[in-house]
Amino acid sequence: MSYRKEKVKSLLGIDTNQLDESSLQKLSRSALEEGIHGLCFSPYDKGQKPGDLISESQIRKKLEIIRPYTQWIRTFSCTEGNEQIPVLAKEYGFKTLVGAWLSDDNEVNQNEIQGLIELAQKGFIDIAAVGNEVMYRGEMEEEELIDYIKKVQQAIPDIPVGYVDAYYEFTDRPKITEECDIILANCYPFWEGCSLEYSLVYMKQMYEQAKTAGKGKKVIITETGWPSQGANFEASIPSYSNSLRYFINAQNWSNEDNIPMFYFSSFDESWKVDSEGDVGAYWGLWDQDEKLKF
């Protein structure tokens, strides 16, 4: 793996608001080639959606594309073929933050938790995430989630176990926060209607809020990003240039302050329009045809 750990010194102190598109492309490419901490990874091909058959070959193809640029990947599920991803990722030398997708479907939850435990016990997981925004979606009671967290912790005591949700949920739900070994916080200035100009300052505030809630526990930003096209959300404006500015600013801060961050996302995913509107399809650094946007 060609990932390099040194800071992206070339980006420090740069005001991206003053740069033209060509300069933004060059700086984005520089940031990526210097190496970023982590990428959120889903293997779906163009036209696919969760539940569709995922092949080993398509996972390998996408892992090979991102391999030179990142040390970690984050996955979202341990069923429906997604359980192959951590196994193959380890073969390619990645570290893994692996999630069990929880919802209001108890049978699926049981399968997800069992899959997470088995992958961890076999050595394919570095950090285990029990659920992703299930509190935010209102699909589960706190005590039920805590029971799942405890079950996983007991089964894999040597691996950090946490829960992924919006940064403020760790303030609002101290019982869950207390049970986590590690705080896994999603930080999206875009989805709170923040303008691009103030987005980095806002993300830093989100991170600090999660740190305060965690009371000394390590905090990882498990998702952040900015869509490259789509409809505006209040003061948040999706655009190609804004997506590049946000990426540069985020990676600059991650490197400068040693903030572990998983960028969302590796590839565009058209199926996300069902839940997020047209912007849902354009969060990737690579497009649906696996071409780097910059």
Foldseek 3Di string as FASTA:
>chain_A
DQAAQAALVVLPPDDLVPDDPVVLVVLLVSLQQNAAAEFEDDQDAPPDDPLDADDPVSLVVLCVLSLNGYQEYEYADQDRPSVVNLVVNVVSRHAYEYEHADFLDPVSLVVRLVSQLVCVVVPSHQEYAYHAARVVVVGDDPVVSLVSQVVSCVSRVPHFYAYEHALCVLVVPLVRLVSGQAAEHAAEPQQVQDALSCRLVRSVVSQVSSVVSNVPHHYAHEEYFAFQQDDGDRNYHHHNSSRSSVSSSVSNCCRVVVHHYHYPHAEFDCVLCVPVNPSNRGGHCAYSVRHGPD
